[in-house]
Protein backbone atom coordinates (compact mmCIF):
# COMPACT_ATOMS: atom_id res chain seq x y z
CA MET A 1 -6.73 13.15 14.39
CA PHE A 2 -5.44 13.67 10.64
CA GLY A 3 -8.79 12.60 9.49
CA CYS A 4 -7.87 9.44 9.62
CA VAL A 5 -11.31 8.12 10.61
CA VAL A 6 -12.63 9.92 7.72
CA SER A 7 -9.97 8.46 5.52
CA ILE A 8 -10.43 4.66 6.56
CA ILE A 9 -14.18 5.08 6.26
CA ALA A 10 -13.68 6.57 2.73
CA LEU A 11 -10.93 4.04 1.65
CA VAL A 12 -13.35 0.92 1.88
CA VAL A 13 -15.81 2.24 1.64
CA MET A 14 -18.84 2.68 -0.88
CA GLN A 15 -17.95 2.54 -4.64
CA ASN A 16 -19.01 5.86 -6.50
CA THR A 17 -21.55 3.70 -8.40
CA PRO A 18 -25.17 5.84 -8.14
CA ALA A 19 -27.72 3.68 -6.37
CA PRO A 20 -30.79 2.28 -8.00
CA PRO A 21 -33.81 2.94 -6.66
CA ALA A 22 -34.72 0.06 -3.73
CA PRO A 23 -37.62 -2.25 -4.25
CA PRO A 24 -40.20 -2.69 -1.34
CA ALA A 25 -38.52 -4.66 1.66
CA ASN A 26 -38.38 -8.51 2.02
CA VAL A 27 -38.67 -9.21 -1.51
CA ALA A 28 -36.62 -11.79 -2.50
CA PRO A 29 -34.86 -11.99 -5.82
CA GLN A 30 -36.62 -14.05 -8.48
CA GLU A 31 -35.24 -16.65 -10.96
CA GLN A 32 -36.21 -14.86 -14.48
CA THR A 33 -35.14 -14.16 -17.65
CA PRO A 34 -33.66 -10.70 -18.38
CA THR A 35 -36.50 -8.37 -20.47
CA SER A 36 -34.23 -7.12 -22.37
CA ALA A 37 -30.65 -8.08 -23.83
CA PRO A 38 -27.53 -6.55 -22.32
CA THR A 39 -25.02 -5.09 -24.36
CA SER A 40 -21.58 -6.10 -25.77
CA GLU A 41 -18.47 -3.94 -25.23
CA ALA A 42 -18.79 -3.00 -28.64
CA GLY A 43 -22.54 -1.98 -28.19
CA PRO A 44 -24.32 -4.41 -30.52
CA ALA A 45 -27.03 -6.20 -28.51
CA ILE A 46 -26.58 -9.99 -27.52
CA ALA A 47 -28.61 -12.75 -26.48
CA ALA A 48 -30.20 -12.34 -23.05
CA PRO A 49 -29.12 -15.64 -20.91
CA ASP A 50 -31.94 -18.59 -19.37
CA LEU A 51 -30.64 -18.31 -16.20
CA SER A 52 -32.45 -21.48 -15.43
CA MET A 53 -30.59 -23.21 -17.89
CA LEU A 54 -27.21 -22.54 -16.38
CA SER A 55 -25.23 -24.26 -14.02
CA VAL A 56 -24.31 -22.81 -10.05
CA PRO A 57 -20.50 -22.78 -11.54
CA ASP A 58 -21.76 -20.85 -14.65
CA LEU A 59 -23.56 -18.51 -12.75
CA LEU A 60 -20.85 -17.37 -10.08
CA ALA A 61 -18.80 -17.10 -13.45
CA ALA A 62 -21.06 -15.16 -15.10
CA ALA A 63 -22.42 -13.01 -12.19
CA GLU A 64 -18.51 -11.98 -11.13
CA ARG A 65 -18.32 -11.36 -15.02
CA GLN A 66 -21.28 -8.91 -15.01
CA LYS A 67 -20.01 -7.24 -11.20
CA GLN A 68 -17.05 -5.53 -13.19
CA PRO A 69 -17.07 -2.36 -14.57
CA GLY A 70 -19.45 -1.99 -17.18
CA GLY A 71 -21.10 -5.19 -16.39
CA ASP A 72 -24.96 -5.26 -15.59
CA LEU A 73 -25.58 -5.23 -11.92
CA ASP A 74 -28.87 -5.99 -11.86
CA LEU A 75 -28.61 -8.80 -14.20
CA CYS A 76 -25.73 -9.56 -11.82
CA GLN A 77 -28.41 -9.41 -8.89
CA ARG A 78 -30.61 -12.16 -10.67
CA MET A 79 -27.89 -14.27 -11.38
CA TYR A 80 -26.91 -14.45 -7.63
CA GLY A 81 -30.68 -14.79 -6.66
CA THR A 82 -31.29 -17.64 -9.10
CA ILE A 83 -28.05 -19.82 -7.00
CA LEU A 84 -29.38 -18.78 -4.00
CA GLN A 85 -32.76 -20.41 -4.90
CA ARG A 86 -30.94 -23.24 -5.68
CA GLU A 87 -28.62 -23.26 -3.01
CA PRO A 88 -29.67 -20.99 -0.61
CA ARG A 89 -26.45 -21.11 2.02
CA ASN A 90 -24.04 -21.24 -1.51
CA VAL A 91 -21.02 -18.49 0.68
CA ALA A 92 -20.27 -16.92 -2.94
CA ALA A 93 -23.84 -16.02 -4.06
CA LEU A 94 -24.18 -14.78 -0.59
CA LEU A 95 -20.84 -12.67 -0.50
CA GLY A 96 -22.11 -11.51 -4.07
CA MET A 97 -25.49 -10.10 -3.09
CA SER A 98 -23.47 -8.73 0.41
CA GLU A 99 -21.93 -6.71 -2.44
CA LEU A 100 -24.82 -5.55 -4.07
CA ALA A 101 -26.67 -4.31 -1.49
CA GLU A 102 -23.69 -2.47 0.11
CA ARG A 103 -23.46 -0.70 -3.36
CA VAL A 104 -26.94 0.49 -2.98
CA ARG A 105 -26.40 1.49 0.76
CA GLN A 106 -28.26 -1.31 2.22
CA ILE A 107 -25.58 -1.79 4.68
CA ASP A 108 -28.42 -3.87 7.19
CA ALA A 109 -29.20 -6.28 4.19
CA SER A 110 -25.25 -6.26 3.06
CA ARG A 111 -24.59 -7.40 7.02
CA ARG A 112 -27.71 -10.20 7.22
CA TYR A 113 -26.30 -11.60 3.71
CA LEU A 114 -22.64 -11.72 5.65
CA LEU A 115 -23.84 -13.02 8.54
CA GLU A 116 -25.93 -16.07 6.56
CA ALA A 117 -22.86 -17.01 4.66
CA GLN A 118 -21.11 -17.18 8.20
CA LYS A 119 -23.33 -20.02 8.86
CA THR A 120 -21.90 -21.80 6.33
CA ASP A 121 -18.18 -21.84 7.52
CA LYS A 122 -17.77 -19.07 10.83
CA ASN A 123 -14.00 -19.17 9.53
CA ASP A 124 -14.45 -18.22 5.83
CA PRO A 125 -11.62 -15.44 5.57
CA ARG A 126 -13.88 -13.75 3.03
CA VAL A 127 -17.07 -13.60 5.32
CA ASN A 128 -14.31 -12.23 7.56
CA ILE A 129 -12.82 -9.83 5.93
CA ALA A 130 -16.32 -8.54 4.74
CA LEU A 131 -17.84 -8.22 8.16
CA GLY A 132 -14.96 -6.40 9.88
CA ARG A 133 -14.27 -3.71 7.16
CA MET A 134 -18.10 -3.61 7.53
CA TYR A 135 -17.51 -2.96 11.33
CA VAL A 136 -14.04 -0.62 10.72
CA ARG A 137 -16.34 1.37 9.06
CA SER A 138 -18.99 1.81 11.18
CA GLN A 139 -15.99 2.33 13.91
CA ASN A 140 -17.12 -0.44 16.32
CA TRP A 141 -13.78 -1.63 16.62
CA ARG A 142 -13.89 -4.31 18.71
CA GLN A 143 -16.35 -6.38 16.91
CA ALA A 144 -14.52 -5.55 13.95
CA ILE A 145 -11.05 -6.85 15.34
CA ALA A 146 -13.23 -9.74 16.47
CA TYR A 147 -13.81 -10.73 12.47
CA LEU A 148 -10.57 -9.44 11.31
CA GLU A 149 -8.39 -12.00 13.85
CA THR A 150 -10.32 -14.89 12.30
CA ALA A 151 -9.75 -13.99 8.61
CA GLU A 152 -6.04 -13.38 9.93
CA ARG A 153 -6.08 -16.51 10.74
CA PHE A 154 -7.33 -18.45 7.88
CA ALA A 155 -6.78 -16.15 5.27
CA PRO A 156 -3.89 -16.32 2.42
CA ARG A 157 -1.21 -14.02 1.85
CA GLU A 158 -2.21 -11.56 -1.05
CA GLN A 159 -5.29 -10.81 1.73
CA GLN A 160 -3.19 -10.46 4.54
CA ALA A 161 -2.17 -6.76 4.14
CA GLU A 162 -6.04 -5.58 4.30
CA ILE A 163 -6.47 -7.42 6.91
CA LYS A 164 -3.28 -6.02 9.28
CA MET A 165 -4.04 -2.80 8.18
CA TYR A 166 -7.81 -2.74 9.07
CA LEU A 167 -6.32 -4.44 12.77
CA ALA A 168 -4.13 -1.44 12.78
CA PHE A 169 -6.80 1.08 13.01
CA ALA A 170 -9.14 -0.66 15.02
CA ASN A 171 -6.52 -1.15 18.04
CA TYR A 172 -5.13 2.36 17.44
CA PHE A 173 -8.60 3.73 18.03
CA LEU A 174 -8.90 0.99 21.09
CA GLY A 175 -5.72 2.64 22.04
CA ARG A 176 -3.70 -0.35 21.66
CA LYS A 177 -0.88 1.75 20.37
CA ALA A 178 1.98 -0.59 20.54
CA LYS A 179 -0.49 -3.64 19.10
CA ALA A 180 -1.60 -1.14 16.18
CA SER A 181 1.80 -0.35 15.07
CA ALA A 182 2.84 -3.80 14.59
CA TYR A 183 0.09 -4.41 12.43
CA ALA A 184 1.32 -1.25 10.29
CA VAL A 185 4.06 -2.50 10.37
CA GLN A 186 3.42 -6.13 8.70
CA ALA A 187 0.93 -4.48 6.47
CA ILE A 188 3.89 -1.76 5.17
CA ASP A 189 6.16 -5.21 4.76
CA LEU A 190 3.29 -6.88 2.92
CA ASP A 191 2.48 -3.78 0.79
CA PRO A 192 4.88 -0.41 1.07
CA GLU A 193 2.56 1.93 -0.67
CA SER A 194 -0.10 1.20 2.02
CA TYR A 195 -1.05 5.06 2.49
CA GLU A 196 -3.75 3.89 5.26
CA ALA A 197 -0.95 1.70 7.40
CA ARG A 198 1.21 4.42 7.08
CA GLN A 199 -1.20 6.37 8.65
CA VAL A 200 -1.08 4.26 11.56
CA MET A 201 2.30 4.31 11.79
CA LEU A 202 2.30 8.27 11.71
CA MET A 203 -0.35 8.32 14.31
CA THR A 204 1.39 6.42 17.01
CA LYS A 205 4.83 7.50 16.10
CA SER A 206 3.35 11.75 16.54
CA ALA A 207 1.95 10.63 19.71
CA ALA A 208 4.78 9.14 21.00
CA LYS A 209 6.59 12.29 20.53
CA ASP A 210 8.81 10.96 17.95
CA TYR A 211 8.89 13.70 15.74
CA ASP A 212 11.61 12.84 13.02
CA GLY A 213 10.38 9.57 12.60
CA ALA A 214 7.03 11.10 12.37
CA ARG A 215 8.07 13.50 9.96
CA GLN A 216 9.75 10.82 7.97
CA GLU A 217 6.39 9.09 7.49
CA CYS A 218 5.26 12.13 6.80
CA ASP A 219 7.00 12.28 3.49
CA VAL A 220 6.53 8.71 2.96
CA ILE A 221 3.33 9.36 2.83
CA MET A 222 3.24 12.69 1.04
CA ASN A 223 5.44 10.86 -2.15
CA ILE A 224 2.61 8.26 -2.04
CA ALA A 225 -0.27 10.48 -2.49
CA ARG A 226 2.05 12.66 -5.12
CA LYS A 227 2.11 9.47 -7.03
CA ARG A 228 -1.48 9.19 -7.22
CA LEU A 229 -2.14 12.75 -8.23
CA ASN A 230 1.02 12.89 -11.27
CA GLU A 231 -1.07 10.00 -12.37
CA ASN A 232 -4.30 11.79 -12.55
CA PRO A 233 -3.97 15.41 -11.46
CA SER A 234 -7.54 16.30 -12.20
CA ASP A 235 -9.10 14.03 -9.97
CA ARG A 236 -11.06 14.86 -6.81
CA ALA A 237 -9.98 12.08 -5.04
CA ASN A 238 -5.99 12.46 -5.71
CA ILE A 239 -6.64 16.31 -5.21
CA ASP A 240 -8.30 15.38 -1.80
CA ARG A 241 -5.75 13.05 -0.46
CA MET A 242 -2.65 15.14 -1.78
CA VAL A 243 -4.46 17.86 0.68
CA GLN A 244 -4.95 15.67 3.73
CA ALA A 245 -1.22 14.31 3.54
CA ILE A 246 -0.25 17.99 3.28
CA ARG A 247 -2.62 18.59 6.25
CA MET A 248 -0.99 15.90 8.19
CA LYS A 249 2.36 16.70 7.85
CA ARG A 250 1.93 20.49 8.79
CA GLU A 251 0.03 19.11 12.13
CA VAL A 252 3.11 17.49 12.86
CA LEU A 253 5.32 19.81 11.78
CA GLY A 254 3.32 22.47 14.20
CA LYS A 255 4.03 19.67 17.16
CA TYR A 256 7.62 19.32 16.00
CA HIS A 257 7.60 23.46 16.63
CA ILE A 258 6.05 23.88 19.61
CA SER A 259 8.59 21.06 21.68
CA LEU A 260 11.83 23.66 19.87
CA MET A 261 10.31 26.26 22.45
CA GLU A 262 11.05 27.66 25.71
CA LEU A 263 7.95 26.73 28.17
CA ASN A 264 6.35 29.51 30.70
CA ALA A 265 5.22 28.91 34.46
CA ASP A 266 2.07 26.85 33.64
CA GLY A 267 3.93 24.97 30.95
CA GLN A 268 2.79 26.47 28.27
CA ALA A 269 5.24 26.93 24.80
CA THR A 270 6.55 30.49 24.75
CA ASP A 271 7.67 31.97 21.50
CA ARG A 272 10.90 32.41 21.97
CA PRO A 273 13.32 29.10 20.90
CA LEU A 274 15.14 26.49 23.47
CA PRO A 275 18.91 27.58 23.44
CA GLY A 276 19.96 26.68 20.28
CA ARG A 277 17.05 25.25 18.66
CA GLY A 278 16.17 28.71 16.77
CA PRO A 279 17.53 27.23 13.15
CA GLN A 280 15.04 24.08 13.49
CA ALA A 281 12.02 26.23 14.79
CA SER A 282 13.19 28.17 11.80
CA ALA A 283 13.42 25.75 9.69
CA ALA A 284 9.61 24.37 10.89
CA LEU A 285 7.95 27.70 10.25
CA ALA A 286 9.57 27.58 6.75
CA GLU A 287 8.70 24.21 5.77
CA ILE A 288 5.01 25.42 7.37
CA VAL A 289 4.64 28.02 4.95
CA ASP A 290 6.05 25.78 2.14
CA LEU A 291 2.97 23.16 2.87
CA HIS A 292 0.11 26.12 2.98
CA VAL A 293 1.32 27.80 -0.55
CA LEU A 294 0.80 23.58 -1.98
CA GLU A 295 -2.43 23.19 -0.31
CA GLY A 296 -3.75 26.89 -1.74
CA GLU A 297 -2.60 25.59 -5.80
CA LEU A 298 -4.70 22.10 -4.91
CA VAL A 299 -7.27 23.95 -3.32
CA TYR A 300 -7.40 26.22 -6.36
CA THR A 301 -7.05 24.21 -8.80
CA LEU A 302 -10.36 22.37 -7.27
CA ASN A 303 -12.24 25.41 -7.62
CA LEU A 304 -11.42 26.13 -10.97
CA LEU A 305 -12.84 23.11 -11.20
CA GLU A 306 -15.92 22.85 -9.32
CA ASN A 307 -16.40 26.27 -10.92
CA ALA A 308 -16.50 24.82 -14.39
CA VAL A 309 -19.26 22.25 -13.63
CA PRO A 310 -21.89 25.15 -14.40
CA LEU A 311 -20.86 26.15 -17.21
CA ALA A 312 -19.96 23.06 -18.99
CA THR A 313 -23.97 22.71 -17.54
CA LYS A 314 -25.25 25.35 -19.06
CA ALA A 315 -23.57 24.59 -22.13
CA VAL A 316 -24.95 21.22 -22.54
CA GLU A 317 -28.65 22.31 -22.04
CA PHE A 318 -28.22 24.87 -24.75
CA ASP A 319 -26.15 22.06 -27.28
CA PRO A 320 -27.49 18.84 -25.67
CA ASP A 321 -26.89 16.65 -27.98
CA ASN A 322 -23.24 17.58 -28.59
CA VAL A 323 -21.09 14.81 -27.09
CA LYS A 324 -17.90 17.09 -27.40
CA LEU A 325 -19.51 18.70 -24.88
CA LEU A 326 -21.13 15.99 -22.81
CA LEU A 327 -17.55 14.24 -22.20
CA THR A 328 -16.11 17.43 -21.00
CA LEU A 329 -19.42 17.87 -18.59
CA GLY A 330 -18.79 14.35 -17.49
CA LYS A 331 -15.03 14.58 -16.80
CA LEU A 332 -15.37 17.58 -14.63
CA LEU A 333 -17.85 16.15 -12.83
CA ALA A 334 -16.47 12.76 -12.48
CA ASN A 335 -13.27 14.70 -11.38
CA THR A 336 -14.80 16.49 -9.00
CA SER A 337 -16.70 13.58 -6.76
CA GLN A 338 -20.04 14.01 -8.53
CA ALA A 339 -19.92 10.13 -9.59
CA GLY A 340 -23.89 10.10 -10.06
CA PRO A 341 -24.61 12.76 -12.09
CA ALA A 342 -21.47 11.91 -14.15
CA VAL A 343 -22.41 8.16 -14.57
CA ASP A 344 -25.49 9.62 -16.14
CA VAL A 345 -23.85 12.19 -18.54
CA PHE A 346 -21.67 8.94 -20.03
CA ARG A 347 -24.93 7.30 -20.07
CA ARG A 348 -26.10 9.75 -22.63
CA VAL A 349 -23.12 9.64 -24.52
CA LEU A 350 -23.71 6.71 -25.50
CA GLU A 351 -26.81 6.76 -26.06
CA ILE A 352 -26.21 9.09 -28.86
CA ASP A 353 -22.74 7.69 -30.18
CA PRO A 354 -22.44 3.60 -28.68
CA ALA A 355 -19.10 3.41 -29.60
CA ASN A 356 -17.51 6.04 -27.58
CA ALA A 357 -14.48 4.62 -26.02
CA GLU A 358 -13.47 7.44 -23.61
CA ALA A 359 -17.70 7.39 -21.89
CA VAL A 360 -16.89 3.34 -21.70
CA ARG A 361 -13.60 3.77 -20.49
CA TYR A 362 -15.11 6.72 -17.88
CA LEU A 363 -17.87 4.60 -16.93
CA ASP A 364 -15.49 1.33 -16.15
CA THR A 365 -13.62 3.66 -13.54
CA LEU A 366 -16.40 5.08 -12.20
CA GLY A 367 -17.61 0.68 -11.09
CA ALA A 368 -20.97 1.54 -13.40
CA GLY A 369 -22.29 -0.39 -16.36
CA ARG A 370 -23.78 1.17 -19.91
CA ALA A 371 -27.21 0.89 -18.57
CA ALA A 372 -28.81 1.46 -14.70
CA PRO A 373 -29.85 -1.12 -12.88
CA THR A 374 -33.29 -1.52 -12.16
CA SER A 375 -34.00 -3.29 -9.07
CA ALA A 376 -31.88 -3.45 -5.91
CA PRO A 377 -30.72 -6.79 -3.96
CA ALA A 378 -33.46 -7.44 -1.83
CA ALA A 379 -33.63 -6.09 2.57
CA THR A 380 -33.37 -9.69 3.18
CA PRO A 381 -31.52 -12.80 2.36
CA THR A 382 -33.09 -15.70 0.14
CA PRO A 383 -34.54 -18.19 2.97
């Protein structure tokens, strides 16, 4: 159904940060001083902090900075672990550990951190949003709604658009179309550029055979997708989103076209338009053709990018220290949704040229640090 389940899971979904190697299960994070000094944005080493000397507020602030693009996720994990050894119920640290566990695909560990945080305050909107989002990804709609409705009651306004968007999806897939539509409207009022909330509106209108409304919603979705594509025309995610928008509109137009056809004795559409509806039927088909052409152009662009990857890889193999070639390969990998290999290439650039701003910028965009973390979060919360 318009690929929406895939879209909602991909949307929240896991960042493209490559997963570091996981430690043995049930190993709690240890309070320790990093064995190597992190690097600054400009490249030179700075003194590694003695975590035991930092207060909890200072550790939280420092961990938040390290969690940002370009930060040291391994150091970030140790900071949260230090906090949890002192304050096992610290909600901010538990949320941070949950996020880090999720980044390395340790979903069960991520959920356990969240459930531990909920013991401190079952109404904390941060915890309930995270749990609701997690259950939306796993398509456990009822469980998601329970947490999201709690979050809705207590979350500030700036988080309400996201909550209502998730509630719209969860209610739609439980068959509660009217409630889903109401939540989607609220989400769009708060964030008119919400691609996902617009999808729910499209699905509800299409299900109700409101094809005029569905086509209008398709146009809005395509405009949002086109805007993002124009901002970065070679980005795989933007191309995929535009292709998805095209396919959604094509599906709606197909249903609209069928509604314009005469029915046979079995109630099936024929190839004859209803009296007076020939022009509309013809216009719908013409638009479907245009959409096929547009999709073909986008897929062709994507194929060109993907076909260039092995050539760039071979070029780098012949000249492994060529920064220009490495940057070209890294961009191609990043723009074809191969985030892990792209991060490796950009980190190789920084080994050769530590001040290369382009490599740093791409690593930030990919949500990766200048160096790979050496361990993953523990599989269970700190006791």
